[in-house]
Amino acid sequence: MAQTSSDATAQSTPTSDTKLVVTQVRSTIGVKANQRATLKSLGLRKIRQTVERDDTPQIRGMIHTVRHLVTVEEVGS
């Protein structure tokens, strides 16, 4: 069964009230440059620093890149 464009849009658009709390738990010493840049883009620069980001596919992809350096919690606002 084929999906209509409205179904595809509804599935790819996250709810606006879901947030992700991202905490850096490991050092960037010895990691690749793109992983350092990803942490910087997320707003993380120190161990145990926490930021709150919207739950979007772009943020999820960034978290996937540095998943070994961070912990993630979902919170509804």
N, C-alpha and C. Protein backbone atom coordinates (compact mmCIF):
# COMPACT_ATOMS: atom_id res chain seq x y z
N MET A 1 0.84 -1.17 0.00
CA MET A 1 0.00 0.00 0.00
C MET A 1 0.89 1.24 0.00
N ALA A 2 0.65 2.15 -0.90
CA ALA A 2 1.47 3.35 -1.02
C ALA A 2 1.02 4.41 -0.03
N GLN A 3 1.98 5.16 0.49
CA GLN A 3 1.66 6.23 1.43
C GLN A 3 1.41 7.51 0.66
N THR A 4 0.48 8.28 1.15
CA THR A 4 0.26 9.59 0.56
C THR A 4 1.30 10.55 1.11
N SER A 5 1.45 11.69 0.48
CA SER A 5 2.46 12.65 0.93
C SER A 5 2.16 13.18 2.32
N SER A 6 0.90 13.27 2.70
CA SER A 6 0.57 13.75 4.05
C SER A 6 0.97 12.73 5.11
N ASP A 7 0.88 11.42 4.79
CA ASP A 7 1.31 10.39 5.73
C ASP A 7 2.82 10.45 5.93
N ALA A 8 3.56 10.62 4.84
CA ALA A 8 5.02 10.67 4.92
C ALA A 8 5.46 11.90 5.71
N THR A 9 4.78 13.02 5.52
CA THR A 9 5.13 14.23 6.25
C THR A 9 4.83 14.07 7.73
N ALA A 10 3.74 13.45 8.06
CA ALA A 10 3.37 13.26 9.46
C ALA A 10 4.38 12.36 10.17
N GLN A 11 4.91 11.36 9.48
CA GLN A 11 5.85 10.45 10.10
C GLN A 11 7.22 11.07 10.28
N SER A 12 7.64 11.93 9.36
CA SER A 12 8.98 12.49 9.45
C SER A 12 9.04 13.74 10.33
N THR A 13 7.90 14.32 10.67
CA THR A 13 7.89 15.52 11.50
C THR A 13 7.73 15.12 12.96
N PRO A 14 8.73 15.38 13.80
CA PRO A 14 8.60 15.03 15.21
C PRO A 14 7.65 15.99 15.93
N THR A 15 7.18 15.56 17.07
CA THR A 15 6.32 16.43 17.84
C THR A 15 7.14 17.56 18.43
N SER A 16 6.56 18.74 18.45
CA SER A 16 7.31 19.92 18.88
C SER A 16 7.53 19.96 20.39
N ASP A 17 6.78 19.17 21.14
CA ASP A 17 6.92 19.22 22.59
C ASP A 17 7.91 18.19 23.14
N THR A 18 8.56 17.41 22.27
CA THR A 18 9.56 16.46 22.73
C THR A 18 10.94 17.10 22.68
N LYS A 19 11.66 16.99 23.77
CA LYS A 19 13.02 17.54 23.85
C LYS A 19 13.98 16.40 24.18
N LEU A 20 15.22 16.60 23.82
CA LEU A 20 16.28 15.67 24.16
C LEU A 20 17.27 16.38 25.06
N VAL A 21 17.60 15.76 26.19
CA VAL A 21 18.62 16.28 27.09
C VAL A 21 19.89 15.49 26.81
N VAL A 22 20.90 16.18 26.30
CA VAL A 22 22.15 15.54 25.88
C VAL A 22 23.25 15.96 26.85
N THR A 23 23.95 14.98 27.40
CA THR A 23 25.03 15.24 28.35
C THR A 23 26.32 14.60 27.84
N GLN A 24 27.39 15.38 27.79
CA GLN A 24 28.69 14.84 27.40
C GLN A 24 29.27 14.09 28.58
N VAL A 25 29.65 12.83 28.37
CA VAL A 25 30.17 12.01 29.46
C VAL A 25 31.61 11.55 29.22
N ARG A 26 32.14 11.76 28.01
CA ARG A 26 33.51 11.35 27.72
C ARG A 26 34.27 12.48 27.07
N SER A 27 35.58 12.43 27.17
CA SER A 27 36.46 13.46 26.64
C SER A 27 36.57 13.36 25.12
N THR A 28 36.95 14.48 24.51
CA THR A 28 37.16 14.50 23.06
C THR A 28 38.60 14.22 22.68
N ILE A 29 39.44 13.94 23.66
CA ILE A 29 40.83 13.61 23.36
C ILE A 29 40.87 12.30 22.58
N GLY A 30 41.50 12.34 21.43
CA GLY A 30 41.67 11.14 20.63
C GLY A 30 40.51 10.82 19.70
N VAL A 31 39.50 11.65 19.65
CA VAL A 31 38.38 11.38 18.74
C VAL A 31 38.61 12.13 17.43
N LYS A 32 37.88 11.73 16.40
CA LYS A 32 38.02 12.32 15.07
C LYS A 32 37.53 13.76 15.07
N ALA A 33 38.05 14.53 14.14
CA ALA A 33 37.72 15.95 14.04
C ALA A 33 36.23 16.18 13.79
N ASN A 34 35.59 15.31 13.00
CA ASN A 34 34.16 15.50 12.74
C ASN A 34 33.33 15.26 14.00
N GLN A 35 33.79 14.39 14.88
CA GLN A 35 33.08 14.16 16.14
C GLN A 35 33.23 15.35 17.07
N ARG A 36 34.41 15.96 17.10
CA ARG A 36 34.61 17.18 17.89
C ARG A 36 33.70 18.29 17.37
N ALA A 37 33.63 18.43 16.06
CA ALA A 37 32.78 19.46 15.45
C ALA A 37 31.31 19.21 15.74
N THR A 38 30.91 17.96 15.77
CA THR A 38 29.52 17.62 16.08
C THR A 38 29.18 17.99 17.51
N LEU A 39 30.07 17.69 18.45
CA LEU A 39 29.83 18.08 19.84
C LEU A 39 29.72 19.60 19.97
N LYS A 40 30.58 20.31 19.26
CA LYS A 40 30.53 21.77 19.29
C LYS A 40 29.21 22.28 18.72
N SER A 41 28.74 21.66 17.65
CA SER A 41 27.47 22.04 17.04
C SER A 41 26.29 21.78 17.97
N LEU A 42 26.41 20.73 18.77
CA LEU A 42 25.36 20.43 19.75
C LEU A 42 25.41 21.40 20.93
N GLY A 43 26.53 22.11 21.08
CA GLY A 43 26.68 23.06 22.18
C GLY A 43 27.40 22.49 23.38
N LEU A 44 28.09 21.38 23.17
CA LEU A 44 28.81 20.72 24.26
C LEU A 44 30.30 21.00 24.14
N ARG A 45 30.93 21.35 25.27
CA ARG A 45 32.37 21.58 25.24
C ARG A 45 33.08 21.04 26.46
N LYS A 46 32.35 20.66 27.50
CA LYS A 46 32.96 20.13 28.72
C LYS A 46 32.26 18.84 29.13
N ILE A 47 33.01 17.99 29.82
CA ILE A 47 32.42 16.76 30.35
C ILE A 47 31.40 17.14 31.42
N ARG A 48 30.29 16.43 31.43
CA ARG A 48 29.14 16.63 32.32
C ARG A 48 28.34 17.90 32.00
N GLN A 49 28.62 18.54 30.88
CA GLN A 49 27.80 19.66 30.44
C GLN A 49 26.55 19.11 29.78
N THR A 50 25.41 19.73 30.05
CA THR A 50 24.13 19.26 29.55
C THR A 50 23.46 20.36 28.73
N VAL A 51 22.87 19.97 27.60
CA VAL A 51 22.10 20.89 26.77
C VAL A 51 20.76 20.24 26.45
N GLU A 52 19.78 21.08 26.16
CA GLU A 52 18.46 20.60 25.78
C GLU A 52 18.21 21.00 24.34
N ARG A 53 17.87 20.03 23.50
CA ARG A 53 17.66 20.27 22.07
C ARG A 53 16.31 19.70 21.66
N ASP A 54 15.72 20.29 20.61
CA ASP A 54 14.49 19.76 20.04
C ASP A 54 14.77 18.39 19.43
N ASP A 55 13.75 17.54 19.43
CA ASP A 55 13.87 16.20 18.87
C ASP A 55 13.59 16.28 17.37
N THR A 56 14.64 16.44 16.58
CA THR A 56 14.52 16.49 15.12
C THR A 56 15.43 15.43 14.51
N PRO A 57 15.18 15.05 13.28
CA PRO A 57 16.05 14.07 12.63
C PRO A 57 17.50 14.54 12.54
N GLN A 58 17.72 15.85 12.37
CA GLN A 58 19.07 16.37 12.28
C GLN A 58 19.81 16.19 13.60
N ILE A 59 19.16 16.51 14.70
CA ILE A 59 19.77 16.35 16.03
C ILE A 59 20.01 14.87 16.32
N ARG A 60 19.05 14.02 15.96
CA ARG A 60 19.23 12.58 16.15
C ARG A 60 20.45 12.07 15.40
N GLY A 61 20.67 12.56 14.17
CA GLY A 61 21.84 12.16 13.39
C GLY A 61 23.14 12.62 14.04
N MET A 62 23.13 13.84 14.60
CA MET A 62 24.32 14.34 15.28
C MET A 62 24.62 13.50 16.51
N ILE A 63 23.58 13.14 17.25
CA ILE A 63 23.76 12.31 18.44
C ILE A 63 24.29 10.93 18.04
N HIS A 64 23.80 10.41 16.93
CA HIS A 64 24.28 9.11 16.46
C HIS A 64 25.78 9.14 16.18
N THR A 65 26.27 10.27 15.65
CA THR A 65 27.69 10.41 15.34
C THR A 65 28.55 10.34 16.59
N VAL A 66 28.05 10.88 17.70
CA VAL A 66 28.85 10.95 18.94
C VAL A 66 28.22 10.12 20.06
N ARG A 67 27.52 9.08 19.69
CA ARG A 67 26.76 8.29 20.68
C ARG A 67 27.63 7.68 21.76
N HIS A 68 28.92 7.46 21.49
CA HIS A 68 29.83 6.89 22.48
C HIS A 68 30.37 7.94 23.44
N LEU A 69 30.10 9.22 23.19
CA LEU A 69 30.60 10.30 24.03
C LEU A 69 29.52 10.96 24.88
N VAL A 70 28.26 10.66 24.61
CA VAL A 70 27.15 11.36 25.25
C VAL A 70 26.11 10.38 25.81
N THR A 71 25.27 10.89 26.70
CA THR A 71 24.06 10.18 27.10
C THR A 71 22.88 11.05 26.70
N VAL A 72 21.76 10.42 26.42
CA VAL A 72 20.59 11.14 25.92
C VAL A 72 19.36 10.70 26.70
N GLU A 73 18.54 11.68 27.09
CA GLU A 73 17.26 11.42 27.75
C GLU A 73 16.18 12.18 27.00
N GLU A 74 15.03 11.54 26.83
CA GLU A 74 13.88 12.22 26.22
C GLU A 74 13.03 12.82 27.32
N VAL A 75 12.62 14.05 27.13
CA VAL A 75 11.70 14.69 28.06
C VAL A 75 10.62 15.39 27.27
N GLY A 76 9.40 15.36 27.77
CA GLY A 76 8.30 16.11 27.15
C GLY A 76 8.17 17.43 27.86
N SER A 77 8.00 18.52 27.09
CA SER A 77 7.88 19.80 27.76
C SER A 77 6.47 20.27 27.88
